[in-house]
Amino acid sequence: MRKLFFDTRRLDAAVREKYGLSEELMMENAAARLEESLSKIDRRGKLLVLCGGGNNGADGYALARRVYMKFAEVVCVECAPAKSELCVLQKKRAASCGVKILRLDSLHQFIEKNSSEIYAVVDAVFGAGFHGSLPEEIAEAVSEVNGLNAFRVACDVPSGLDSLGNAGGVVFSARTTVAMGALKVSLFSDCAKDFTGEITDADLGVSRGLFENSMEQAENILLLEKEDFVPPLREKQNVHKGSFGHVCLVAGEKPGASVIASSASLRFGAGLVTLVDFSGRLSSGAKLSLNEDGFPSSGFVPYEIMCGSEFPAVVSALGFGMGLGSGKRMKKCFDWISENPSVPVVMDADVFHEPSLRAVLEERCSKKSPTVLTPHPKEFASLLEICGFGKYSVKSVVEKRISLLKKFCEEFPNVSVILKGASVLIAGNYGGRIEIF
């Protein structure tokens, strides 16, 4: 599990103060890690480094100095005049080593002449503090290098992404992004997915643990890793299928999704799975008829899934909403969970359009009933409106998903939300502390 940060500049300052590191030393470590990211590139080609005017640009100039004479040619493009003290210094050092410094308005001509020889491009223009959209000239330059058949590396954050991972226009499209010091929230947004490539991080003179914990953070946003997944383990030998729980899924107007969920429940470790169809039309092994015109689907209810027209007497967990429709089916589900508050419930799809959902959630929160909601952005927008948070477009939900999840979880403790998307978010209120994974 990894910590994610909106901005690590305060951490940088804390590390310098706490461990006596200079900003220049940390920058040299950043440049070394960028150099390492280029280790597999054919050195017979040319390296192009896009440099901004701040310390991100300084990282780029430092990299150029380190790899000068390791490529056929190393060229820095001055996308903005050097402004920070270190950027001015690193630019001077790079130039004194022989690195060619190119003006931004000369980039197009350089690419036209050398496009087939440019093997790698490094984006060191803007870092984690960027907001808005790229200036027009820089946007044109980024678009042009994105079109090159070259290995592209982003320093810290691809230029064009803001602190939430949203883009106001053109974004540098990296094959690899090297996050400096710690991972940024912006690298894991839905939008960022198409621009970050492989994400790695760089130690800047102290270990990751020391860097991440150099000061207290108000936010608690974590990245789940493969090793964090712990599947159900069956250690006892003297058991039967009832020892591993009874999952109940409710089928509705479109039963396909509930059948898929039933099969997934079995594969994940449930001992028994029942598919409830209040109309009584489904049975194990039956072919599904999804359309009113009588054309059957190619799907079956697997024989290992039990089918019934009422809820089983014993239920370990309930899931409903997928393809359920509204009306009587939904009311029966709401009535049942009201009468059985201790049963964990997963609600999906059609549930998020039910006007009575807020009252249902408030009741479950008051009884501390374990509840999981699994909306996609459009369904989450509907959920927010029903629960009194106001109207949001799908675009707004995607752009503000972290803050909206925090608001929702503050209002509804004991409710966990799995917000679907290119990058799935899991949020919950755990003892008054909201955590987002």
Protein backbone atom coordinates (compact mmCIF):
# COMPACT_ATOMS: atom_id res chain seq x y z
CA MET A 1 0.00 0.00 0.00
CA ARG A 2 1.45 3.36 -1.04
CA LYS A 3 0.66 6.89 0.11
CA LEU A 4 -0.46 9.37 -2.54
CA PHE A 5 -0.01 13.14 -2.29
CA PHE A 6 -1.57 16.10 -4.08
CA ASP A 7 1.71 18.05 -3.86
CA THR A 8 5.05 17.03 -2.36
CA ARG A 9 6.72 20.44 -2.21
CA ARG A 10 6.01 20.75 1.53
CA LEU A 11 7.48 17.27 2.00
CA ASP A 12 10.58 18.38 0.08
CA ALA A 13 11.01 21.30 2.46
CA ALA A 14 10.43 19.11 5.53
CA VAL A 15 13.05 16.60 4.38
CA ARG A 16 15.61 19.34 3.79
CA GLU A 17 15.03 20.77 7.26
CA LYS A 18 14.79 17.47 9.13
CA TYR A 19 17.66 15.57 7.50
CA GLY A 20 19.96 18.42 6.48
CA LEU A 21 19.75 17.78 2.75
CA SER A 22 20.29 20.62 0.31
CA GLU A 23 17.86 21.29 -2.52
CA GLU A 24 20.73 20.82 -4.96
CA LEU A 25 21.55 17.37 -3.59
CA MET A 26 17.91 16.30 -3.92
CA MET A 27 17.89 17.63 -7.50
CA GLU A 28 20.99 15.60 -8.34
CA ASN A 29 19.20 12.48 -7.12
CA ALA A 30 16.20 13.37 -9.30
CA ALA A 31 18.44 13.79 -12.35
CA ALA A 32 20.14 10.46 -11.61
CA ARG A 33 16.79 8.69 -11.55
CA LEU A 34 15.79 10.31 -14.85
CA GLU A 35 19.09 9.13 -16.29
CA GLU A 36 18.33 5.61 -15.10
CA SER A 37 14.97 5.73 -16.92
CA LEU A 38 16.89 6.26 -20.17
CA SER A 39 19.32 3.37 -19.57
CA LYS A 40 17.84 1.11 -22.24
CA ILE A 41 17.64 3.76 -24.98
CA ASP A 42 19.93 3.39 -27.99
CA ARG A 43 22.66 5.98 -27.34
CA ARG A 44 23.31 6.49 -31.06
CA GLY A 45 20.25 8.73 -31.18
CA LYS A 46 19.60 12.27 -29.98
CA LEU A 47 18.03 13.22 -26.66
CA LEU A 48 15.61 16.13 -26.47
CA VAL A 49 14.86 17.65 -23.04
CA LEU A 50 12.00 20.13 -22.69
CA CYS A 51 12.82 22.46 -19.79
CA GLY A 52 10.59 24.88 -17.90
CA GLY A 53 11.71 27.88 -15.88
CA GLY A 54 11.32 26.40 -12.39
CA ASN A 55 12.90 23.52 -10.51
CA ASN A 56 11.30 20.95 -12.81
CA GLY A 57 13.23 22.59 -15.64
CA ALA A 58 16.32 22.53 -13.42
CA ASP A 59 15.94 18.74 -13.14
CA GLY A 60 15.94 18.62 -16.95
CA TYR A 61 19.10 20.72 -17.30
CA ALA A 62 20.82 18.60 -14.61
CA LEU A 63 19.88 15.45 -16.52
CA ALA A 64 21.25 16.90 -19.76
CA ARG A 65 24.57 17.66 -18.05
CA ARG A 66 24.80 14.13 -16.65
CA VAL A 67 24.16 12.38 -19.98
CA TYR A 68 26.10 14.74 -22.25
CA MET A 69 28.34 12.70 -24.59
CA LYS A 70 26.33 9.56 -23.73
CA PHE A 71 24.01 10.28 -26.67
CA ALA A 72 24.81 11.39 -30.21
CA GLU A 73 23.55 14.82 -29.17
CA VAL A 74 21.81 16.24 -26.11
CA VAL A 75 19.55 19.23 -26.72
CA CYS A 76 17.61 21.23 -24.12
CA VAL A 77 14.62 23.24 -25.31
CA GLU A 78 14.08 26.36 -23.19
CA CYS A 79 10.27 26.31 -23.01
CA ALA A 80 10.34 29.20 -20.52
CA PRO A 81 13.16 31.47 -19.33
CA ALA A 82 15.03 30.08 -16.32
CA LYS A 83 13.61 31.80 -13.22
CA SER A 84 14.38 29.83 -10.08
CA GLU A 85 17.90 30.10 -8.67
CA LEU A 86 18.63 26.43 -9.28
CA CYS A 87 17.20 26.47 -12.78
CA VAL A 88 19.53 29.35 -13.72
CA LEU A 89 22.47 27.48 -12.18
CA GLN A 90 21.69 24.11 -13.78
CA LYS A 91 21.15 25.71 -17.18
CA LYS A 92 24.55 27.41 -16.91
CA ARG A 93 26.21 24.12 -15.91
CA ALA A 94 24.62 22.22 -18.78
CA ALA A 95 25.67 24.86 -21.30
CA SER A 96 29.25 24.87 -19.97
CA CYS A 97 29.40 21.10 -20.57
CA GLY A 98 28.44 21.61 -24.21
CA VAL A 99 24.71 20.88 -24.05
CA LYS A 100 22.92 22.71 -26.84
CA ILE A 101 20.22 25.10 -25.55
CA LEU A 102 17.48 25.60 -28.12
CA ARG A 103 14.90 28.37 -28.11
CA LEU A 104 11.28 27.21 -28.13
CA ASP A 105 10.55 28.90 -31.45
CA SER A 106 13.37 26.88 -33.05
CA LEU A 107 11.99 23.50 -31.99
CA HIS A 108 9.81 22.89 -35.06
CA GLN A 109 12.72 23.43 -37.42
CA PHE A 110 14.98 21.18 -35.32
CA ILE A 111 12.40 18.37 -35.33
CA GLU A 112 11.81 18.68 -39.08
CA LYS A 113 15.52 18.22 -39.66
CA ASN A 114 16.22 15.55 -37.01
CA SER A 115 12.95 13.69 -36.33
CA SER A 116 14.29 10.26 -37.30
CA GLU A 117 17.35 10.72 -35.07
CA ILE A 118 15.50 11.78 -31.90
CA TYR A 119 15.36 8.58 -29.85
CA ALA A 120 14.14 10.00 -26.53
CA VAL A 121 12.28 13.05 -25.21
CA VAL A 122 12.15 14.14 -21.56
CA ASP A 123 9.41 16.45 -20.30
CA ALA A 124 10.74 18.69 -17.52
CA VAL A 125 8.48 21.68 -18.13
CA PHE A 126 5.86 21.75 -15.36
CA GLY A 127 5.64 19.74 -12.15
CA ALA A 128 2.98 18.84 -9.61
CA GLY A 129 1.91 22.43 -8.96
CA PHE A 130 0.58 23.04 -12.47
CA HIS A 131 -3.00 24.19 -13.06
CA GLY A 132 -5.03 25.35 -16.05
CA SER A 133 -3.90 24.64 -19.61
CA LEU A 134 -0.48 24.83 -21.24
CA PRO A 135 0.51 28.14 -22.85
CA GLU A 136 -0.13 28.00 -26.59
CA GLU A 137 3.52 27.79 -27.71
CA ILE A 138 4.33 25.08 -25.17
CA ALA A 139 1.16 23.17 -26.08
CA GLU A 140 2.25 23.19 -29.73
CA ALA A 141 5.70 21.93 -28.74
CA VAL A 142 4.24 19.14 -26.59
CA SER A 143 1.90 18.10 -29.41
CA GLU A 144 4.83 17.96 -31.80
CA VAL A 145 7.05 15.80 -29.59
CA ASN A 146 4.08 13.55 -28.81
CA GLY A 147 4.04 12.73 -32.52
CA LEU A 148 7.66 11.59 -32.59
CA ASN A 149 8.56 7.93 -32.68
CA ALA A 150 10.66 8.38 -29.55
CA PHE A 151 10.76 7.08 -25.98
CA ARG A 152 9.10 9.74 -23.84
CA VAL A 153 9.79 10.29 -20.13
CA ALA A 154 7.92 12.71 -17.85
CA CYS A 155 9.70 14.27 -14.88
CA ASP A 156 7.40 14.06 -11.84
CA VAL A 157 4.07 14.66 -13.65
CA PRO A 158 3.35 14.87 -17.41
CA SER A 159 3.05 18.56 -18.29
CA GLY A 160 -0.59 19.53 -18.75
CA LEU A 161 -2.01 17.54 -15.81
CA ASP A 162 -3.12 19.49 -12.74
CA SER A 163 -2.95 18.36 -9.09
CA LEU A 164 -6.16 16.32 -9.50
CA GLY A 165 -4.99 14.68 -12.71
CA ASN A 166 -7.33 16.70 -14.93
CA ALA A 167 -6.28 18.19 -18.25
CA GLY A 168 -7.27 21.57 -19.65
CA GLY A 169 -5.88 20.76 -23.09
CA VAL A 170 -2.73 19.16 -24.49
CA VAL A 171 -0.78 16.80 -22.19
CA PHE A 172 2.67 15.29 -22.64
CA SER A 173 2.19 11.60 -23.46
CA ALA A 174 4.85 9.63 -21.58
CA ARG A 175 5.94 6.04 -21.84
CA THR A 176 7.40 6.38 -18.33
CA THR A 177 6.72 8.89 -15.57
CA VAL A 178 9.29 9.30 -12.79
CA ALA A 179 7.55 10.72 -9.70
CA MET A 180 9.98 12.66 -7.54
CA GLY A 181 10.07 11.73 -3.85
CA ALA A 182 6.59 10.22 -3.65
CA LEU A 183 3.64 9.29 -5.84
CA LYS A 184 1.14 12.00 -6.75
CA VAL A 185 -2.66 11.71 -6.74
CA SER A 186 -2.69 13.29 -10.20
CA LEU A 187 -0.94 10.28 -11.74
CA PHE A 188 -3.87 7.97 -10.97
CA SER A 189 -6.87 9.89 -12.31
CA ASP A 190 -8.99 8.53 -15.15
CA CYS A 191 -7.63 11.24 -17.44
CA ALA A 192 -3.98 10.57 -16.50
CA LYS A 193 -4.27 6.92 -17.47
CA ASP A 194 -3.57 7.75 -21.13
CA PHE A 195 -0.54 9.98 -20.43
CA THR A 196 1.56 8.56 -17.59
CA GLY A 197 2.72 5.25 -19.03
CA GLU A 198 4.63 3.16 -16.49
CA ILE A 199 4.88 5.02 -13.18
CA THR A 200 8.03 4.77 -11.07
CA ASP A 201 9.29 6.90 -8.21
CA ALA A 202 12.65 8.38 -7.30
CA ASP A 203 14.26 8.60 -3.87
CA LEU A 204 15.73 12.08 -3.45
CA GLY A 205 18.39 11.34 -0.85
CA VAL A 206 16.36 9.55 1.82
CA SER A 207 14.28 6.40 1.68
CA ARG A 208 10.67 6.52 0.55
CA GLY A 209 9.45 5.83 4.09
CA LEU A 210 11.38 8.77 5.55
CA PHE A 211 10.24 11.07 2.76
CA GLU A 212 6.55 10.15 2.98
CA ASN A 213 6.48 10.45 6.77
CA SER A 214 8.55 13.60 7.12
CA MET A 215 5.42 15.52 8.12
CA GLU A 216 1.80 14.81 9.08
CA GLN A 217 -0.63 14.77 6.16
CA ALA A 218 -4.29 15.75 6.42
CA GLU A 219 -5.23 13.62 3.43
CA ASN A 220 -5.33 9.84 3.62
CA ILE A 221 -5.25 8.61 0.05
CA LEU A 222 -3.63 5.25 -0.57
CA LEU A 223 -2.69 3.18 -3.60
CA LEU A 224 -3.50 -0.51 -3.28
CA GLU A 225 -0.86 -2.87 -4.62
CA LYS A 226 -1.04 -6.48 -5.72
CA GLU A 227 0.28 -7.78 -2.40
CA ASP A 228 -2.49 -5.97 -0.52
CA PHE A 229 -5.04 -8.36 -1.98
CA VAL A 230 -5.64 -11.25 0.44
CA PRO A 231 -8.14 -13.77 -0.98
CA PRO A 232 -10.23 -16.03 1.27
CA LEU A 233 -8.17 -18.91 2.64
CA ARG A 234 -9.60 -22.29 3.65
CA GLU A 235 -7.43 -23.60 6.44
CA LYS A 236 -9.82 -26.05 8.14
CA GLN A 237 -10.32 -29.47 6.59
CA ASN A 238 -13.50 -30.63 8.32
CA VAL A 239 -15.89 -28.26 6.53
CA HIS A 240 -18.82 -28.21 4.12
CA LYS A 241 -20.15 -25.67 1.62
CA GLY A 242 -22.25 -23.97 4.28
CA SER A 243 -19.07 -23.10 6.16
CA PHE A 244 -18.21 -20.50 3.54
CA GLY A 245 -21.31 -18.37 3.49
CA HIS A 246 -24.45 -18.03 1.39
CA VAL A 247 -24.48 -15.18 -1.14
CA CYS A 248 -27.81 -14.05 -2.54
CA LEU A 249 -28.12 -12.05 -5.78
CA VAL A 250 -31.42 -10.64 -7.05
CA ALA A 251 -32.25 -10.88 -10.76
CA GLY A 252 -34.62 -8.45 -12.46
CA GLU A 253 -35.69 -7.22 -15.86
CA LYS A 254 -32.22 -7.89 -17.30
CA PRO A 255 -30.78 -10.85 -15.40
CA GLY A 256 -27.45 -11.16 -17.21
CA ALA A 257 -25.42 -9.06 -14.77
CA SER A 258 -26.82 -10.86 -11.73
CA VAL A 259 -25.91 -14.22 -13.30
CA ILE A 260 -22.35 -12.99 -13.89
CA ALA A 261 -22.17 -11.72 -10.29
CA SER A 262 -23.44 -15.09 -9.04
CA SER A 263 -20.72 -16.97 -10.89
CA ALA A 264 -18.09 -14.52 -9.62
CA SER A 265 -19.27 -15.04 -6.03
CA LEU A 266 -18.71 -18.78 -6.33
CA ARG A 267 -15.29 -18.34 -7.86
CA PHE A 268 -14.28 -15.91 -5.13
CA GLY A 269 -15.05 -18.42 -2.40
CA ALA A 270 -18.72 -18.35 -1.42
CA GLY A 271 -19.93 -21.82 -0.47
CA LEU A 272 -23.52 -21.30 -1.66
CA VAL A 273 -25.00 -18.83 -4.14
CA THR A 274 -28.69 -18.29 -4.77
CA LEU A 275 -30.10 -16.22 -7.62
CA VAL A 276 -33.49 -14.84 -6.61
CA ASP A 277 -36.03 -14.08 -9.33
CA PHE A 278 -39.34 -12.95 -7.84
CA SER A 279 -41.16 -13.90 -11.06
CA GLY A 280 -39.98 -17.50 -10.77
CA ARG A 281 -38.90 -17.69 -14.41
CA LEU A 282 -35.26 -18.66 -13.77
CA SER A 283 -33.97 -22.08 -12.87
CA SER A 284 -30.55 -23.69 -12.81
CA GLY A 285 -29.44 -24.57 -16.33
CA ALA A 286 -32.18 -22.45 -17.91
CA LYS A 287 -31.42 -20.36 -20.97
CA LEU A 288 -32.06 -16.67 -20.34
CA SER A 289 -34.70 -14.90 -22.41
CA LEU A 290 -33.82 -11.24 -22.24
CA ASN A 291 -36.06 -9.77 -24.92
CA GLU A 292 -39.82 -9.38 -25.17
CA ASP A 293 -39.71 -10.45 -28.81
CA GLY A 294 -38.89 -13.99 -27.74
CA PHE A 295 -35.33 -14.26 -29.04
CA PRO A 296 -33.26 -16.17 -26.46
CA SER A 297 -29.80 -15.08 -25.42
CA SER A 298 -26.81 -17.39 -25.59
CA GLY A 299 -26.40 -17.25 -21.80
CA PHE A 300 -27.35 -19.87 -19.23
CA VAL A 301 -27.84 -19.88 -15.50
CA PRO A 302 -24.99 -22.22 -14.46
CA TYR A 303 -26.13 -25.45 -12.81
CA GLU A 304 -24.07 -24.73 -9.70
CA ILE A 305 -26.12 -21.61 -8.96
CA MET A 306 -29.32 -22.21 -7.01
CA CYS A 307 -32.43 -20.34 -8.14
CA GLY A 308 -35.50 -19.33 -6.16
CA SER A 309 -38.42 -16.93 -6.17
CA GLU A 310 -37.93 -15.72 -2.57
CA PHE A 311 -35.00 -14.81 -0.33
CA PRO A 312 -33.32 -17.83 1.31
CA ALA A 313 -33.81 -18.35 5.03
CA VAL A 314 -30.11 -17.76 5.72
CA VAL A 315 -28.17 -15.10 3.81
CA SER A 316 -24.55 -14.11 4.52
CA ALA A 317 -24.46 -11.26 1.99
CA LEU A 318 -26.92 -9.75 -0.49
CA GLY A 319 -26.36 -8.01 -3.81
CA PHE A 320 -29.02 -6.30 -5.91
CA GLY A 321 -29.66 -3.50 -8.38
CA MET A 322 -27.89 -4.78 -11.49
CA GLY A 323 -30.55 -5.09 -14.20
CA LEU A 324 -33.21 -5.05 -11.47
CA GLY A 325 -35.46 -2.28 -12.77
CA SER A 326 -37.68 -0.32 -10.43
CA GLY A 327 -41.05 -0.84 -8.75
CA LYS A 328 -42.03 -3.93 -6.77
CA ARG A 329 -38.70 -5.74 -7.09
CA MET A 330 -36.78 -2.79 -5.69
CA LYS A 331 -39.28 -2.31 -2.85
CA LYS A 332 -39.01 -5.99 -1.87
CA CYS A 333 -35.23 -5.64 -1.66
CA PHE A 334 -35.42 -2.45 0.41
CA ASP A 335 -37.99 -4.02 2.74
CA TRP A 336 -35.83 -7.12 3.20
CA ILE A 337 -32.65 -5.23 4.10
CA SER A 338 -34.65 -3.09 6.53
CA GLU A 339 -35.81 -6.27 8.27
CA ASN A 340 -32.30 -7.80 8.16
CA PRO A 341 -29.94 -4.93 9.06
CA SER A 342 -27.03 -7.16 10.08
CA VAL A 343 -26.64 -8.67 6.59
CA PRO A 344 -23.91 -6.98 4.50
CA VAL A 345 -25.37 -5.53 1.30
CA VAL A 346 -23.91 -4.53 -2.06
CA MET A 347 -26.09 -2.15 -4.09
CA ASP A 348 -25.51 -1.46 -7.78
CA ALA A 349 -26.91 0.11 -10.95
CA ASP A 350 -30.68 0.74 -10.82
CA VAL A 351 -30.57 1.37 -7.06
CA PHE A 352 -28.92 4.74 -7.70
CA HIS A 353 -32.01 6.10 -9.44
CA GLU A 354 -34.46 5.26 -6.63
CA PRO A 355 -35.86 8.38 -4.88
CA SER A 356 -36.16 6.51 -1.57
CA LEU A 357 -32.47 5.55 -1.50
CA ARG A 358 -31.44 8.33 0.88
CA ALA A 359 -33.86 7.12 3.56
CA VAL A 360 -32.61 3.55 3.07
CA LEU A 361 -28.99 4.62 3.53
CA GLU A 362 -29.81 6.75 6.58
CA GLU A 363 -31.54 3.79 8.20
CA ARG A 364 -28.60 1.49 7.51
CA CYS A 365 -26.15 4.06 8.87
CA SER A 366 -28.19 4.46 12.05
CA LYS A 367 -28.06 0.68 12.56
CA LYS A 368 -24.38 0.50 11.52
CA SER A 369 -25.31 -1.97 8.79
CA PRO A 370 -22.40 -2.82 6.47
CA THR A 371 -23.20 -1.39 3.04
CA VAL A 372 -21.25 -1.16 -0.22
CA LEU A 373 -22.29 1.00 -3.18
CA THR A 374 -20.76 0.39 -6.62
CA PRO A 375 -21.74 3.24 -8.98
CA HIS A 376 -20.11 4.38 -12.20
CA PRO A 377 -19.76 8.18 -12.60
CA LYS A 378 -23.23 8.72 -14.10
CA GLU A 379 -24.84 6.64 -11.34
CA PHE A 380 -22.80 8.47 -8.71
CA ALA A 381 -24.11 11.79 -10.06
CA SER A 382 -27.66 10.47 -9.60
CA LEU A 383 -26.81 9.19 -6.11
CA LEU A 384 -25.43 12.59 -5.11
CA GLU A 385 -28.57 14.36 -6.31
CA ILE A 386 -30.92 11.93 -4.53
CA CYS A 387 -28.93 12.31 -1.31
CA GLY A 388 -29.08 16.10 -1.39
CA PHE A 389 -25.58 17.01 -2.55
CA GLY A 390 -26.78 18.86 -5.65
CA LYS A 391 -26.63 18.25 -9.38
CA TYR A 392 -23.38 17.21 -11.00
CA SER A 393 -22.55 16.35 -14.59
CA VAL A 394 -20.61 13.17 -15.33
CA LYS A 395 -17.63 15.36 -16.28
CA SER A 396 -17.77 17.10 -12.89
CA VAL A 397 -17.96 13.78 -11.06
CA VAL A 398 -14.87 12.51 -12.87
CA GLU A 399 -12.93 15.72 -12.24
CA LYS A 400 -13.96 16.10 -8.58
CA ARG A 401 -14.37 12.48 -7.61
CA ILE A 402 -12.08 12.58 -4.56
CA SER A 403 -13.73 15.62 -2.95
CA LEU A 404 -17.22 14.30 -3.77
CA LEU A 405 -16.43 10.90 -2.25
CA LYS A 406 -15.20 12.64 0.90
CA LYS A 407 -18.42 14.65 1.19
CA PHE A 408 -20.56 11.57 0.67
CA CYS A 409 -18.67 9.46 3.22
CA GLU A 410 -18.82 12.24 5.81
CA GLU A 411 -22.61 12.19 5.51
CA PHE A 412 -22.97 8.41 5.38
CA PRO A 413 -20.60 6.56 7.74
CA ASN A 414 -20.66 2.75 7.51
CA VAL A 415 -21.22 3.05 3.74
CA SER A 416 -18.30 2.18 1.48
CA VAL A 417 -18.30 3.41 -2.11
CA ILE A 418 -16.51 1.74 -5.00
CA LEU A 419 -16.52 4.38 -7.74
CA LYS A 420 -15.88 2.74 -11.10
CA GLY A 421 -13.69 4.26 -13.79
CA ALA A 422 -10.38 3.81 -15.58
CA SER A 423 -8.90 4.02 -12.07
CA VAL A 424 -11.32 2.59 -9.50
CA LEU A 425 -11.63 4.44 -6.18
CA ILE A 426 -12.73 2.85 -2.89
CA ALA A 427 -13.83 5.24 -0.15
CA GLY A 428 -15.15 4.82 3.37
CA ASN A 429 -15.50 6.53 6.72
CA TYR A 430 -13.48 4.48 9.18
CA GLY A 431 -13.91 5.70 12.75
CA GLY A 432 -14.37 9.29 11.65
CA ARG A 433 -11.36 9.21 9.31
CA ILE A 434 -12.17 9.08 5.62
CA GLU A 435 -9.82 6.91 3.61
CA ILE A 436 -9.68 6.65 -0.16
CA PHE A 437 -7.92 3.81 -1.96
